[in-house]
C-alpha atoms as a PDB file:
ATOM      1  CA  MET A   1     -14.378 -25.797 -22.970  1.00  0.00           C
ATOM      2  CA  VAL A   2     -15.618 -27.265 -19.551  1.00  0.00           C
ATOM      3  CA  LEU A   3     -18.770 -28.515 -21.314  1.00  0.00           C
ATOM      4  CA  LYS A   4     -16.399 -30.075 -23.861  1.00  0.00           C
ATOM      5  CA  ILE A   5     -14.517 -31.723 -21.411  1.00  0.00           C
ATOM      6  CA  LEU A   6     -17.365 -32.941 -19.080  1.00  0.00           C
ATOM      7  CA  GLY A   7     -18.917 -34.429 -22.517  1.00  0.00           C
ATOM      8  CA  ARG A   8     -16.127 -36.470 -23.281  1.00  0.00           C
ATOM      9  CA  CYS A   9     -16.521 -37.358 -19.460  1.00  0.00           C
ATOM     10  CA  SER A  10     -19.751 -39.125 -20.255  1.00  0.00           C
ATOM     11  CA  SER A  11     -18.567 -42.118 -21.342  1.00  0.00           C
ATOM     12  CA  MET A  12     -15.577 -42.360 -18.718  1.00  0.00           C
ATOM     13  CA  ASN A  13     -15.585 -43.951 -15.285  1.00  0.00           C
ATOM     14  CA  PRO A  14     -17.731 -41.835 -12.884  1.00  0.00           C
ATOM     15  CA  CYS A  15     -14.960 -41.541 -10.527  1.00  0.00           C
ATOM     16  CA  VAL A  16     -12.652 -40.227 -13.383  1.00  0.00           C
ATOM     17  CA  ARG A  17     -15.661 -37.733 -13.935  1.00  0.00           C
ATOM     18  CA  ILE A  18     -15.885 -36.595 -10.359  1.00  0.00           C
ATOM     19  CA  VAL A  19     -11.584 -35.952 -10.574  1.00  0.00           C
ATOM     20  CA  TRP A  20     -12.132 -33.798 -13.798  1.00  0.00           C
ATOM     21  CA  VAL A  21     -14.783 -31.664 -12.228  1.00  0.00           C
ATOM     22  CA  VAL A  22     -13.106 -31.450  -9.107  1.00  0.00           C
ATOM     23  CA  LEU A  23      -9.770 -30.024 -11.032  1.00  0.00           C
ATOM     24  CA  ILE A  24     -12.042 -27.499 -12.666  1.00  0.00           C
ATOM     25  CA  ALA A  25     -13.363 -26.526 -10.087  1.00  0.00           C
ATOM     26  CA  VAL A  26     -10.223 -26.079  -8.251  1.00  0.00           C
ATOM     27  CA  PHE A  27      -8.468 -24.122 -11.234  1.00  0.00           C
ATOM     28  CA  ALA A  28     -11.775 -21.704 -10.964  1.00  0.00           C
ATOM     29  CA  LEU A  29     -11.177 -20.755  -7.219  1.00  0.00           C
ATOM     30  CA  VAL A  30      -7.627 -20.276  -7.854  1.00  0.00           C
ATOM     31  CA  GLY A  31      -8.404 -17.622 -10.622  1.00  0.00           C
ATOM     32  CA  CYS A  32     -10.883 -15.686  -7.908  1.00  0.00           C
ATOM     33  CA  SER A  33      -8.208 -15.591  -5.002  1.00  0.00           C
ATOM     34  CA  PRO A  34      -8.308 -12.476  -3.177  1.00  0.00           C
ATOM     35  CA  GLY A  35      -5.524 -10.061  -3.762  1.00  0.00           C
ATOM     36  CA  GLY A  36      -4.789 -11.145  -7.368  1.00  0.00           C
ATOM     37  CA  ASP A  37      -5.792  -7.823  -8.914  1.00  0.00           C
ATOM     38  CA  LEU A  38      -4.059  -5.706  -6.377  1.00  0.00           C
ATOM     39  CA  PRO A  39      -0.753  -3.369  -7.220  1.00  0.00           C
ATOM     40  CA  GLU A  40       2.246  -4.755  -5.942  1.00  0.00           C
ATOM     41  CA  LEU A  41       3.913  -3.351  -3.175  1.00  0.00           C
ATOM     42  CA  THR A  42       7.080  -1.739  -5.027  1.00  0.00           C
ATOM     43  CA  ALA A  43      10.625  -1.312  -2.305  1.00  0.00           C
ATOM     44  CA  GLN A  44      10.728   2.447  -1.625  1.00  0.00           C
ATOM     45  CA  PRO A  45      14.319   2.904  -1.032  1.00  0.00           C
ATOM     46  CA  ASN A  46      15.373   5.460   2.079  1.00  0.00           C
ATOM     47  CA  ILE A  47      11.829   7.313   2.491  1.00  0.00           C
ATOM     48  CA  SER A  48      12.050   9.546   5.534  1.00  0.00           C
ATOM     49  CA  TYR A  49       9.991   8.650   8.326  1.00  0.00           C
ATOM     50  CA  HIS A  50       7.599  11.497   8.792  1.00  0.00           C
ATOM     51  CA  LEU A  51       5.783  11.625  12.346  1.00  0.00           C
ATOM     52  CA  GLY A  52       2.312  11.484  13.292  1.00  0.00           C
ATOM     53  CA  PRO A  53       0.384  11.549  16.282  1.00  0.00           C
ATOM     54  CA  GLY A  54       1.236   8.929  18.903  1.00  0.00           C
ATOM     55  CA  ASP A  55       5.082   9.195  17.979  1.00  0.00           C
ATOM     56  CA  ARG A  56       7.179   9.757  20.841  1.00  0.00           C
ATOM     57  CA  VAL A  57      10.384  11.869  20.082  1.00  0.00           C
ATOM     58  CA  GLU A  58      13.435  12.369  22.062  1.00  0.00           C
ATOM     59  CA  ILE A  59      14.453  16.302  21.537  1.00  0.00           C
ATOM     60  CA  LYS A  60      17.868  17.747  22.966  1.00  0.00           C
ATOM     61  CA  VAL A  61      19.075  21.414  22.558  1.00  0.00           C
ATOM     62  CA  LEU A  62      22.671  21.864  23.092  1.00  0.00           C
ATOM     63  CA  GLY A  63      23.234  24.429  25.438  1.00  0.00           C
ATOM     64  CA  ALA A  64      19.256  24.496  27.150  1.00  0.00           C
ATOM     65  CA  ASP A  65      19.352  21.226  29.294  1.00  0.00           C
ATOM     66  CA  GLU A  66      15.618  22.499  30.507  1.00  0.00           C
ATOM     67  CA  LEU A  67      14.747  21.844  26.930  1.00  0.00           C
ATOM     68  CA  HIS A  68      15.929  18.234  26.695  1.00  0.00           C
ATOM     69  CA  GLY A  69      12.907  15.461  27.162  1.00  0.00           C
ATOM     70  CA  GLU A  70      10.465  13.206  25.906  1.00  0.00           C
ATOM     71  CA  TYR A  71       7.597  14.349  23.925  1.00  0.00           C
ATOM     72  CA  SER A  72       4.612  12.689  22.482  1.00  0.00           C
ATOM     73  CA  VAL A  73       3.178  14.095  18.980  1.00  0.00           C
ATOM     74  CA  GLN A  74      -0.909  15.152  20.153  1.00  0.00           C
ATOM     75  CA  ASP A  75      -3.791  14.218  18.364  1.00  0.00           C
ATOM     76  CA  ASP A  76      -3.628  17.739  16.855  1.00  0.00           C
ATOM     77  CA  GLY A  77      -0.435  16.532  15.155  1.00  0.00           C
ATOM     78  CA  THR A  78       2.171  19.259  17.554  1.00  0.00           C
ATOM     79  CA  ILE A  79       4.535  18.814  20.207  1.00  0.00           C
ATOM     80  CA  ARG A  80       4.329  21.065  22.932  1.00  0.00           C
ATOM     81  CA  MET A  81       7.545  22.474  24.486  1.00  0.00           C
ATOM     82  CA  LEU A  82       8.503  25.171  27.318  1.00  0.00           C
ATOM     83  CA  LEU A  83       9.573  28.083  25.655  1.00  0.00           C
ATOM     84  CA  VAL A  84       9.410  26.938  22.013  1.00  0.00           C
ATOM     85  CA  GLY A  85       5.694  26.596  22.746  1.00  0.00           C
ATOM     86  CA  THR A  86       3.519  24.313  19.807  1.00  0.00           C
ATOM     87  CA  VAL A  87       5.637  22.866  17.137  1.00  0.00           C
ATOM     88  CA  PRO A  88       4.022  21.195  14.169  1.00  0.00           C
ATOM     89  CA  ALA A  89       5.316  18.019  13.600  1.00  0.00           C
ATOM     90  CA  ALA A  90       2.620  15.354  11.900  1.00  0.00           C
ATOM     91  CA  GLY A  91       3.634  14.627   8.287  1.00  0.00           C
ATOM     92  CA  LEU A  92       7.454  16.172   8.958  1.00  0.00           C
ATOM     93  CA  THR A  93      10.289  14.116   9.255  1.00  0.00           C
ATOM     94  CA  PRO A  94      12.656  14.537  12.407  1.00  0.00           C
ATOM     95  CA  ASP A  95      14.965  16.637  10.544  1.00  0.00           C
ATOM     96  CA  GLN A  96      12.101  19.074   9.502  1.00  0.00           C
ATOM     97  CA  VAL A  97      10.929  19.263  13.427  1.00  0.00           C
ATOM     98  CA  GLN A  98      14.671  19.955  14.234  1.00  0.00           C
ATOM     99  CA  ALA A  99      14.651  22.840  11.937  1.00  0.00           C
ATOM    100  CA  ASN A 100      11.216  24.106  13.333  1.00  0.00           C
ATOM    101  CA  ILE A 101      12.406  24.053  16.632  1.00  0.00           C
ATOM    102  CA  GLU A 102      15.904  25.890  15.751  1.00  0.00           C
ATOM    103  CA  ASN A 103      13.603  28.695  13.787  1.00  0.00           C
ATOM    104  CA  LYS A 104      11.254  29.025  17.246  1.00  0.00           C
ATOM    105  CA  LEU A 105      14.129  29.117  19.407  1.00  0.00           C
ATOM    106  CA  ARG A 106      16.146  31.498  17.126  1.00  0.00           C
ATOM    107  CA  ALA A 107      13.260  33.680  16.461  1.00  0.00           C
ATOM    108  CA  GLY A 108      12.354  33.852  20.456  1.00  0.00           C
ATOM    109  CA  ARG A 109      16.064  34.851  20.847  1.00  0.00           C
ATOM    110  CA  TYR A 110      16.418  32.439  23.213  1.00  0.00           C
ATOM    111  CA  LEU A 111      19.472  30.964  21.978  1.00  0.00           C
ATOM    112  CA  ASN A 112      21.917  32.940  19.564  1.00  0.00           C
ATOM    113  CA  GLN A 113      22.900  30.134  17.518  1.00  0.00           C
ATOM    114  CA  PRO A 114      20.518  26.737  18.524  1.00  0.00           C
ATOM    115  CA  ARG A 115      21.363  23.506  17.843  1.00  0.00           C
ATOM    116  CA  ALA A 116      18.480  20.547  18.691  1.00  0.00           C
ATOM    117  CA  SER A 117      18.262  17.012  17.798  1.00  0.00           C
ATOM    118  CA  VAL A 118      14.986  14.792  17.167  1.00  0.00           C
ATOM    119  CA  ALA A 119      15.052  11.148  17.653  1.00  0.00           C
ATOM    120  CA  VAL A 120      12.203   8.849  17.344  1.00  0.00           C
ATOM    121  CA  LEU A 121      12.024   6.635  20.451  1.00  0.00           C
ATOM    122  CA  ALA A 122       8.808   4.936  19.640  1.00  0.00           C
ATOM    123  CA  TYR A 123       6.640   4.638  16.573  1.00  0.00           C
ATOM    124  CA  ARG A 124       2.968   4.337  15.983  1.00  0.00           C
ATOM    125  CA  PRO A 125       1.874   0.792  15.593  1.00  0.00           C
ATOM    126  CA  PHE A 126       1.031  -1.485  12.648  1.00  0.00           C
ATOM    127  CA  TYR A 127      -2.067  -3.632  13.091  1.00  0.00           C
ATOM    128  CA  ILE A 128      -1.983  -7.422  11.117  1.00  0.00           C
ATOM    129  CA  LEU A 129      -5.466  -9.061  10.750  1.00  0.00           C
ATOM    130  CA  GLY A 130      -6.532 -12.291   9.223  1.00  0.00           C
ATOM    131  CA  GLU A 131      -4.746 -15.896   9.030  1.00  0.00           C
ATOM    132  CA  VAL A 132      -2.335 -15.194  12.276  1.00  0.00           C
ATOM    133  CA  ALA A 133      -2.707 -16.634  15.880  1.00  0.00           C
ATOM    134  CA  SER A 134      -3.244 -13.534  17.746  1.00  0.00           C
ATOM    135  CA  PRO A 135      -4.257 -10.635  15.293  1.00  0.00           C
ATOM    136  CA  GLY A 136      -4.239  -6.883  16.478  1.00  0.00           C
ATOM    137  CA  GLY A 137      -2.196  -3.983  16.674  1.00  0.00           C
ATOM    138  CA  TYR A 138       1.687  -4.200  17.768  1.00  0.00           C
ATOM    139  CA  ALA A 139       4.519  -2.095  18.197  1.00  0.00           C
ATOM    140  CA  TYR A 140       6.385  -0.813  14.986  1.00  0.00           C
ATOM    141  CA  VAL A 141      10.266  -1.690  14.962  1.00  0.00           C
ATOM    142  CA  SER A 142      12.489   0.520  12.290  1.00  0.00           C
ATOM    143  CA  GLY A 143      13.169  -1.851   9.454  1.00  0.00           C
ATOM    144  CA  MET A 144      10.215  -4.286  10.088  1.00  0.00           C
ATOM    145  CA  LYS A 145       9.628  -6.719   7.295  1.00  0.00           C
ATOM    146  CA  VAL A 146       5.996  -8.495   6.789  1.00  0.00           C
ATOM    147  CA  LEU A 147       7.585 -11.855   8.168  1.00  0.00           C
ATOM    148  CA  SER A 148       8.592  -9.906  11.821  1.00  0.00           C
ATOM    149  CA  ALA A 149       4.932  -8.648  11.980  1.00  0.00           C
ATOM    150  CA  VAL A 150       3.756 -12.346  11.397  1.00  0.00           C
ATOM    151  CA  ALA A 151       5.909 -13.256  14.201  1.00  0.00           C
ATOM    152  CA  ALA A 152       4.576 -10.518  16.706  1.00  0.00           C
ATOM    153  CA  ALA A 153       1.184 -12.298  16.009  1.00  0.00           C
ATOM    154  CA  HIS A 154       2.409 -15.691  16.711  1.00  0.00           C
ATOM    155  CA  GLY A 155       2.613 -16.868  13.235  1.00  0.00           C
ATOM    156  CA  TYR A 156       0.258 -18.064  10.848  1.00  0.00           C
ATOM    157  CA  THR A 157      -3.147 -20.292  11.496  1.00  0.00           C
ATOM    158  CA  TYR A 158      -2.740 -23.282   9.513  1.00  0.00           C
ATOM    159  CA  ARG A 159      -5.595 -21.798   6.938  1.00  0.00           C
ATOM    160  CA  ALA A 160      -2.921 -19.129   6.189  1.00  0.00           C
ATOM    161  CA  LYS A 161      -2.312 -18.421   2.461  1.00  0.00           C
ATOM    162  CA  GLN A 162       1.469 -17.559   3.219  1.00  0.00           C
ATOM    163  CA  ASP A 163       2.894 -16.876  -0.234  1.00  0.00           C
ATOM    164  CA  TYR A 164       1.580 -12.967  -0.248  1.00  0.00           C
ATOM    165  CA  VAL A 165      -0.489 -10.116   2.404  1.00  0.00           C
ATOM    166  CA  ILE A 166      -2.539  -7.513   1.382  1.00  0.00           C
ATOM    167  CA  ILE A 167      -1.296  -4.255   3.384  1.00  0.00           C
ATOM    168  CA  THR A 168      -3.183  -1.116   3.404  1.00  0.00           C
ATOM    169  CA  ARG A 169      -1.037   2.104   3.407  1.00  0.00           C
ATOM    170  CA  ASN A 170      -3.010   5.461   3.429  1.00  0.00           C
ATOM    171  CA  GLY A 171      -6.264   3.924   1.945  1.00  0.00           C
ATOM    172  CA  GLU A 172      -4.649   1.982  -1.108  1.00  0.00           C
ATOM    173  CA  ASP A 173      -4.394  -2.074  -0.689  1.00  0.00           C
ATOM    174  CA  LEU A 174      -1.249  -3.257  -2.090  1.00  0.00           C
ATOM    175  CA  LYS A 175      -0.059  -6.868  -2.563  1.00  0.00           C
ATOM    176  CA  ALA A 176       3.032  -7.426  -0.808  1.00  0.00           C
ATOM    177  CA  ASP A 177       5.336 -10.891  -0.044  1.00  0.00           C
ATOM    178  CA  ILE A 178       6.674 -11.887   3.306  1.00  0.00           C
ATOM    179  CA  MET A 179       9.981  -9.789   3.077  1.00  0.00           C
ATOM    180  CA  SER A 180       8.331  -6.123   2.227  1.00  0.00           C
ATOM    181  CA  ALA A 181       8.889  -3.703   4.771  1.00  0.00           C
ATOM    182  CA  ILE A 182       6.271  -2.417   7.037  1.00  0.00           C
ATOM    183  CA  GLN A 183       5.411   1.053   7.999  1.00  0.00           C
ATOM    184  CA  PRO A 184       3.593   2.408  11.031  1.00  0.00           C
ATOM    185  CA  ASP A 185      -0.228   2.549  10.674  1.00  0.00           C
ATOM    186  CA  ASP A 186       0.095  -0.336   7.781  1.00  0.00           C
ATOM    187  CA  ILE A 187      -2.725  -2.898   8.341  1.00  0.00           C
ATOM    188  CA  ILE A 188      -1.686  -6.231   7.068  1.00  0.00           C
ATOM    189  CA  ARG A 189      -4.293  -8.457   6.038  1.00  0.00           C
ATOM    190  CA  VAL A 190      -3.076 -12.206   5.666  1.00  0.00           C
ATOM    191  CA  PRO A 191      -5.715 -14.093   3.556  1.00  0.00           C
ATOM    192  CA  GLU A 192      -7.149 -17.675   3.811  1.00  0.00           C
ATOM    193  CA  ARG A 193      -6.095 -20.370   1.788  1.00  0.00           C
ATOM    194  CA  TYR A 194      -8.847 -22.530   0.190  1.00  0.00           C
ATOM    195  CA  PHE A 195      -6.943 -25.873  -0.084  1.00  0.00           C
END
């Protein structure tokens, strides 16, 4: 088809012929844009946050002020607490960690009816790369969207393709728009536009 069009252009003005060649090249490059064959990021309603190494949590135990405090999830995925010992945390929700703490306190006979609470104070960072002014790792805030992540990285560069990004989550590349929710540990890539 391209050859037919170019064949018809042989009798045309050379400037018009150049315009046709440029238009064909533009359409060919648009079809080769990065992210064109990636699955779309789908909304995940009310998915509970799962803790991981680097998260900071506040733990309170009713009737045991000596156990109140801020704790970090260690590299091995655990939290170490006085009287309780080592509590698994990586891959668990704050509610699941809370239940583990209560079970350990009950099993150790420290408290008859232990009541604990676990609240996330600081999340793991997200990372943004590509066509943003300041690529790097940034602090995640609950409920963040891609647009907030771009703002944290001081906005787009003039070469940025602003209609979508590519998010790497759990090893899978997903195409997302600027209003998509992000998660801690996400790697967000802002692609370069070609025109």
